Amino acid sequence: VRYGVDVEAFERIGLPFLERGPRGRRLVVIDEIGRMELKSDVFAGRVQELLARGVRLVGAITAPIYGHRVAFCDRVSATRGVAVHKLTKSTRDGVTAERRESLVTRFVKPKPSGKRKRK
């Protein structure tokens, strides 16, 4: 079964968040930066803008398949501050748990203020 992407609908429904939502946010989750999504030049531009602004992105990026590389994904992977974790059936649970703990520590758990409460 062959499938495709409705670029117009993708840009109309999905991309407005990337335009207005991340301002001031520290983290944006993007399900995938892959071949289908990259049929939208607007999407690629938004991802580049987020990276240029230093917004933290968490998501999946397409891997080379059978030696076929995706130049945009190679550039994202090579961007300073980007960490790429190769997921396989045997590594996915460990990588997922490690990333989850890292995100919770960074964005959810309160940081000690350094001040002690007086009793």
N, C-alpha and C. Protein backbone atom coordinates (compact mmCIF):
# COMPACT_ATOMS: atom_id res chain seq x y z
N VAL A 1 0.85 -1.18 0.00
CA VAL A 1 0.00 0.00 0.00
C VAL A 1 0.89 1.24 0.00
N ARG A 2 0.68 2.09 -0.95
CA ARG A 2 1.41 3.36 -1.02
C ARG A 2 0.62 4.43 -0.29
N TYR A 3 1.32 5.34 0.31
CA TYR A 3 0.64 6.43 0.99
C TYR A 3 1.41 7.72 0.72
N GLY A 4 0.78 8.83 1.04
CA GLY A 4 1.40 10.11 0.76
C GLY A 4 1.04 11.10 1.85
N VAL A 5 1.38 12.34 1.60
CA VAL A 5 1.09 13.39 2.57
C VAL A 5 0.34 14.52 1.86
N ASP A 6 -0.66 15.03 2.53
CA ASP A 6 -1.40 16.19 2.03
C ASP A 6 -0.68 17.41 2.60
N VAL A 7 0.26 17.94 1.82
CA VAL A 7 1.11 19.03 2.30
C VAL A 7 0.28 20.24 2.71
N GLU A 8 -0.71 20.57 1.91
CA GLU A 8 -1.54 21.74 2.22
C GLU A 8 -2.23 21.58 3.57
N ALA A 9 -2.81 20.41 3.83
CA ALA A 9 -3.49 20.16 5.11
C ALA A 9 -2.48 20.14 6.25
N PHE A 10 -1.34 19.52 6.02
CA PHE A 10 -0.28 19.46 7.04
C PHE A 10 0.14 20.87 7.45
N GLU A 11 0.34 21.73 6.47
CA GLU A 11 0.77 23.10 6.76
C GLU A 11 -0.35 23.90 7.42
N ARG A 12 -1.59 23.66 7.02
CA ARG A 12 -2.72 24.41 7.56
C ARG A 12 -3.04 23.99 9.00
N ILE A 13 -2.94 22.69 9.29
CA ILE A 13 -3.35 22.19 10.60
C ILE A 13 -2.17 22.10 11.58
N GLY A 14 -1.06 21.58 11.14
CA GLY A 14 0.04 21.30 12.05
C GLY A 14 1.03 22.42 12.28
N LEU A 15 1.26 23.23 11.26
CA LEU A 15 2.34 24.20 11.37
C LEU A 15 2.02 25.49 12.11
N PRO A 16 0.76 25.89 12.24
CA PRO A 16 0.52 27.11 13.00
C PRO A 16 1.10 27.06 14.42
N PHE A 17 1.10 25.89 15.06
CA PHE A 17 1.69 25.79 16.40
C PHE A 17 3.17 26.14 16.36
N LEU A 18 3.87 25.65 15.36
CA LEU A 18 5.30 25.93 15.28
C LEU A 18 5.56 27.40 14.98
N GLU A 19 4.58 28.08 14.44
CA GLU A 19 4.72 29.51 14.14
C GLU A 19 4.52 30.35 15.38
N ARG A 20 3.48 30.05 16.15
CA ARG A 20 3.16 30.92 17.28
C ARG A 20 3.42 30.30 18.64
N GLY A 21 3.38 28.98 18.75
CA GLY A 21 3.43 28.32 20.05
C GLY A 21 4.75 28.40 20.78
N PRO A 22 5.87 28.12 20.13
CA PRO A 22 7.11 27.96 20.89
C PRO A 22 7.74 29.23 21.43
N ARG A 23 7.27 30.39 21.09
CA ARG A 23 7.89 31.61 21.59
C ARG A 23 7.96 31.57 23.12
N GLY A 24 9.14 31.66 23.65
CA GLY A 24 9.31 31.65 25.08
C GLY A 24 9.30 30.26 25.71
N ARG A 25 9.00 29.25 24.93
CA ARG A 25 8.99 27.89 25.46
C ARG A 25 10.39 27.33 25.39
N ARG A 26 10.68 26.42 26.30
CA ARG A 26 12.01 25.83 26.34
C ARG A 26 12.08 24.50 25.62
N LEU A 27 10.92 23.89 25.35
CA LEU A 27 10.90 22.55 24.78
C LEU A 27 9.74 22.39 23.81
N VAL A 28 10.01 21.81 22.66
CA VAL A 28 8.98 21.51 21.68
C VAL A 28 9.15 20.06 21.26
N VAL A 29 8.07 19.31 21.26
CA VAL A 29 8.10 17.92 20.82
C VAL A 29 7.61 17.85 19.38
N ILE A 30 8.43 17.30 18.52
CA ILE A 30 8.06 17.09 17.12
C ILE A 30 8.08 15.59 16.88
N ASP A 31 6.95 15.05 16.52
CA ASP A 31 6.83 13.61 16.34
C ASP A 31 7.90 13.09 15.39
N GLU A 32 8.06 13.73 14.26
CA GLU A 32 9.07 13.23 13.34
C GLU A 32 9.52 14.32 12.37
N ILE A 33 10.80 14.30 12.10
CA ILE A 33 11.37 15.07 10.99
C ILE A 33 11.79 14.00 10.00
N GLY A 34 10.94 13.76 9.03
CA GLY A 34 11.17 12.66 8.10
C GLY A 34 10.86 13.04 6.67
N ARG A 35 10.98 12.07 5.83
CA ARG A 35 10.79 12.30 4.39
C ARG A 35 9.42 12.88 4.06
N MET A 36 8.38 12.36 4.70
CA MET A 36 7.02 12.84 4.43
C MET A 36 6.86 14.30 4.88
N GLU A 37 7.32 14.61 6.09
CA GLU A 37 7.18 15.97 6.62
C GLU A 37 8.00 16.96 5.81
N LEU A 38 9.12 16.51 5.29
CA LEU A 38 10.00 17.40 4.55
C LEU A 38 9.51 17.69 3.14
N LYS A 39 8.36 17.14 2.79
CA LYS A 39 7.73 17.56 1.53
C LYS A 39 7.21 18.99 1.66
N SER A 40 7.15 19.46 2.92
CA SER A 40 6.76 20.83 3.20
C SER A 40 8.01 21.67 3.47
N ASP A 41 8.32 22.57 2.57
CA ASP A 41 9.44 23.48 2.77
C ASP A 41 9.19 24.39 3.97
N VAL A 42 7.92 24.70 4.22
CA VAL A 42 7.56 25.55 5.36
C VAL A 42 7.94 24.84 6.67
N PHE A 43 7.64 23.56 6.77
CA PHE A 43 7.99 22.78 7.95
C PHE A 43 9.51 22.80 8.17
N ALA A 44 10.26 22.53 7.12
CA ALA A 44 11.73 22.53 7.23
C ALA A 44 12.22 23.89 7.72
N GLY A 45 11.66 24.95 7.19
CA GLY A 45 12.04 26.29 7.62
C GLY A 45 11.74 26.54 9.08
N ARG A 46 10.59 26.07 9.54
CA ARG A 46 10.21 26.26 10.95
C ARG A 46 11.17 25.50 11.87
N VAL A 47 11.53 24.28 11.48
CA VAL A 47 12.47 23.50 12.29
C VAL A 47 13.80 24.24 12.37
N GLN A 48 14.26 24.77 11.25
CA GLN A 48 15.53 25.53 11.25
C GLN A 48 15.43 26.75 12.14
N GLU A 49 14.30 27.45 12.10
CA GLU A 49 14.11 28.63 12.95
C GLU A 49 14.16 28.26 14.43
N LEU A 50 13.49 27.17 14.80
CA LEU A 50 13.50 26.74 16.19
C LEU A 50 14.92 26.42 16.65
N LEU A 51 15.65 25.69 15.84
CA LEU A 51 17.03 25.35 16.19
C LEU A 51 17.89 26.61 16.31
N ALA A 52 17.68 27.56 15.40
CA ALA A 52 18.47 28.80 15.42
C ALA A 52 18.17 29.62 16.67
N ARG A 53 16.93 29.53 17.18
CA ARG A 53 16.56 30.26 18.40
C ARG A 53 16.97 29.51 19.66
N GLY A 54 17.51 28.31 19.52
CA GLY A 54 17.95 27.56 20.67
C GLY A 54 16.84 26.83 21.40
N VAL A 55 15.69 26.67 20.74
CA VAL A 55 14.59 25.92 21.35
C VAL A 55 14.98 24.44 21.39
N ARG A 56 14.73 23.79 22.51
CA ARG A 56 15.02 22.36 22.64
C ARG A 56 13.95 21.59 21.90
N LEU A 57 14.36 20.71 21.03
CA LEU A 57 13.43 19.86 20.30
C LEU A 57 13.64 18.42 20.74
N VAL A 58 12.54 17.73 20.93
CA VAL A 58 12.58 16.30 21.21
C VAL A 58 11.72 15.64 20.16
N GLY A 59 12.26 14.63 19.53
CA GLY A 59 11.46 13.94 18.52
C GLY A 59 12.28 12.93 17.76
N ALA A 60 11.66 12.43 16.74
CA ALA A 60 12.31 11.42 15.90
C ALA A 60 12.79 12.09 14.62
N ILE A 61 13.92 11.61 14.14
CA ILE A 61 14.46 12.10 12.88
C ILE A 61 14.75 10.88 12.02
N THR A 62 14.44 10.99 10.76
CA THR A 62 14.60 9.84 9.88
C THR A 62 16.06 9.41 9.80
N ALA A 63 16.27 8.14 9.74
CA ALA A 63 17.61 7.58 9.61
C ALA A 63 17.85 7.22 8.15
N PRO A 64 19.10 7.20 7.74
CA PRO A 64 19.39 6.77 6.37
C PRO A 64 18.88 5.34 6.16
N ILE A 65 18.23 5.11 5.07
CA ILE A 65 17.72 3.78 4.76
C ILE A 65 18.40 3.29 3.49
N TYR A 66 19.05 2.15 3.59
CA TYR A 66 19.72 1.54 2.45
C TYR A 66 20.70 2.51 1.79
N GLY A 67 21.37 3.32 2.61
CA GLY A 67 22.36 4.25 2.10
C GLY A 67 21.80 5.55 1.56
N HIS A 68 20.47 5.69 1.56
CA HIS A 68 19.85 6.93 1.07
C HIS A 68 19.77 7.92 2.22
N ARG A 69 20.51 9.00 2.10
CA ARG A 69 20.57 10.01 3.15
C ARG A 69 19.58 11.12 2.84
N VAL A 70 19.13 11.79 3.87
CA VAL A 70 18.25 12.95 3.73
C VAL A 70 19.09 14.14 4.21
N ALA A 71 19.48 14.99 3.28
CA ALA A 71 20.42 16.08 3.57
C ALA A 71 19.93 16.96 4.72
N PHE A 72 18.67 17.31 4.75
CA PHE A 72 18.15 18.16 5.82
C PHE A 72 18.33 17.48 7.18
N CYS A 73 18.03 16.20 7.25
CA CYS A 73 18.19 15.46 8.51
C CYS A 73 19.65 15.38 8.91
N ASP A 74 20.53 15.23 7.95
CA ASP A 74 21.97 15.24 8.26
C ASP A 74 22.38 16.58 8.85
N ARG A 75 21.84 17.68 8.30
CA ARG A 75 22.18 19.01 8.84
C ARG A 75 21.63 19.19 10.25
N VAL A 76 20.41 18.74 10.49
CA VAL A 76 19.83 18.84 11.84
C VAL A 76 20.68 18.02 12.80
N SER A 77 21.03 16.81 12.41
CA SER A 77 21.83 15.93 13.28
C SER A 77 23.18 16.54 13.61
N ALA A 78 23.73 17.32 12.69
CA ALA A 78 25.06 17.92 12.87
C ALA A 78 25.00 19.26 13.60
N THR A 79 23.81 19.74 13.90
CA THR A 79 23.65 21.03 14.57
C THR A 79 24.20 20.95 16.00
N ARG A 80 24.92 21.97 16.39
CA ARG A 80 25.47 22.02 17.74
C ARG A 80 24.34 21.89 18.76
N GLY A 81 24.56 21.04 19.73
CA GLY A 81 23.57 20.82 20.78
C GLY A 81 22.58 19.72 20.49
N VAL A 82 22.61 19.17 19.29
CA VAL A 82 21.69 18.09 18.94
C VAL A 82 22.32 16.76 19.32
N ALA A 83 21.58 15.96 20.05
CA ALA A 83 22.03 14.62 20.41
C ALA A 83 21.17 13.63 19.65
N VAL A 84 21.79 12.71 18.97
CA VAL A 84 21.07 11.70 18.21
C VAL A 84 21.30 10.35 18.88
N HIS A 85 20.22 9.67 19.15
CA HIS A 85 20.28 8.34 19.77
C HIS A 85 19.69 7.34 18.78
N LYS A 86 20.49 6.40 18.35
CA LYS A 86 20.02 5.39 17.41
C LYS A 86 19.12 4.42 18.16
N LEU A 87 17.89 4.31 17.69
CA LEU A 87 16.94 3.40 18.31
C LEU A 87 16.84 2.12 17.51
N THR A 88 16.97 1.04 18.21
CA THR A 88 16.74 -0.28 17.64
C THR A 88 15.79 -0.99 18.60
N LYS A 89 15.34 -2.13 18.19
CA LYS A 89 14.45 -2.90 19.06
C LYS A 89 15.11 -3.17 20.41
N SER A 90 16.42 -3.41 20.39
CA SER A 90 17.11 -3.75 21.64
C SER A 90 17.52 -2.53 22.47
N THR A 91 17.58 -1.33 21.88
CA THR A 91 18.01 -0.15 22.64
C THR A 91 16.88 0.81 22.98
N ARG A 92 15.74 0.68 22.35
CA ARG A 92 14.70 1.71 22.48
C ARG A 92 14.20 1.90 23.90
N ASP A 93 14.03 0.83 24.67
CA ASP A 93 13.52 1.00 26.03
C ASP A 93 14.51 1.76 26.91
N GLY A 94 15.79 1.41 26.83
CA GLY A 94 16.81 2.09 27.62
C GLY A 94 16.97 3.55 27.23
N VAL A 95 17.01 3.82 25.94
CA VAL A 95 17.14 5.21 25.47
C VAL A 95 15.91 6.01 25.87
N THR A 96 14.75 5.42 25.74
CA THR A 96 13.51 6.12 26.10
C THR A 96 13.51 6.46 27.59
N ALA A 97 13.87 5.52 28.43
CA ALA A 97 13.90 5.77 29.87
C ALA A 97 14.93 6.85 30.22
N GLU A 98 16.08 6.79 29.58
CA GLU A 98 17.13 7.79 29.84
C GLU A 98 16.68 9.18 29.42
N ARG A 99 16.08 9.30 28.26
CA ARG A 99 15.61 10.61 27.78
C ARG A 99 14.48 11.12 28.66
N ARG A 100 13.56 10.25 29.06
CA ARG A 100 12.45 10.66 29.92
C ARG A 100 12.99 11.23 31.23
N GLU A 101 13.92 10.51 31.87
CA GLU A 101 14.48 10.97 33.14
C GLU A 101 15.20 12.30 32.96
N SER A 102 15.92 12.44 31.87
CA SER A 102 16.63 13.69 31.59
C SER A 102 15.65 14.85 31.46
N LEU A 103 14.55 14.64 30.74
CA LEU A 103 13.55 15.70 30.56
C LEU A 103 12.84 16.04 31.87
N VAL A 104 12.50 15.02 32.63
CA VAL A 104 11.82 15.26 33.91
C VAL A 104 12.74 16.04 34.83
N THR A 105 13.99 15.64 34.90
CA THR A 105 14.95 16.33 35.76
C THR A 105 15.10 17.79 35.34
N ARG A 106 15.16 18.00 34.05
CA ARG A 106 15.41 19.35 33.55
C ARG A 106 14.19 20.26 33.60
N PHE A 107 13.01 19.71 33.30
CA PHE A 107 11.85 20.58 33.12
C PHE A 107 10.74 20.41 34.16
N VAL A 108 10.78 19.34 34.97
CA VAL A 108 9.66 19.09 35.87
C VAL A 108 10.07 19.17 37.33
N LYS A 109 11.10 18.45 37.71
CA LYS A 109 11.50 18.41 39.11
C LYS A 109 11.95 19.80 39.57
N PRO A 110 11.45 20.24 40.72
CA PRO A 110 11.89 21.55 41.22
C PRO A 110 13.36 21.50 41.60
N LYS A 111 14.03 22.58 41.34
CA LYS A 111 15.44 22.69 41.69
C LYS A 111 15.55 23.28 43.08
N PRO A 112 16.50 22.78 43.88
CA PRO A 112 16.66 23.35 45.22
C PRO A 112 17.02 24.83 45.13
N SER A 113 16.42 25.61 46.01
CA SER A 113 16.65 27.05 45.97
C SER A 113 17.94 27.45 46.67
N GLY A 114 18.49 26.55 47.47
CA GLY A 114 19.72 26.89 48.19
C GLY A 114 19.41 27.54 49.53
N LYS A 115 18.15 27.88 49.75
CA LYS A 115 17.75 28.50 51.01
C LYS A 115 17.07 27.45 51.88
N ARG A 116 17.40 27.47 53.15
CA ARG A 116 16.76 26.54 54.08
C ARG A 116 15.61 27.24 54.79
N LYS A 117 14.57 26.48 55.03
CA LYS A 117 13.44 27.04 55.79
C LYS A 117 13.82 27.11 57.26
N ARG A 118 13.40 28.19 57.89
CA ARG A 118 13.62 28.35 59.33
C ARG A 118 12.50 27.65 60.07
N LYS A 119 12.86 26.98 61.14
CA LYS A 119 11.83 26.29 61.96
C LYS A 119 11.47 27.11 63.14
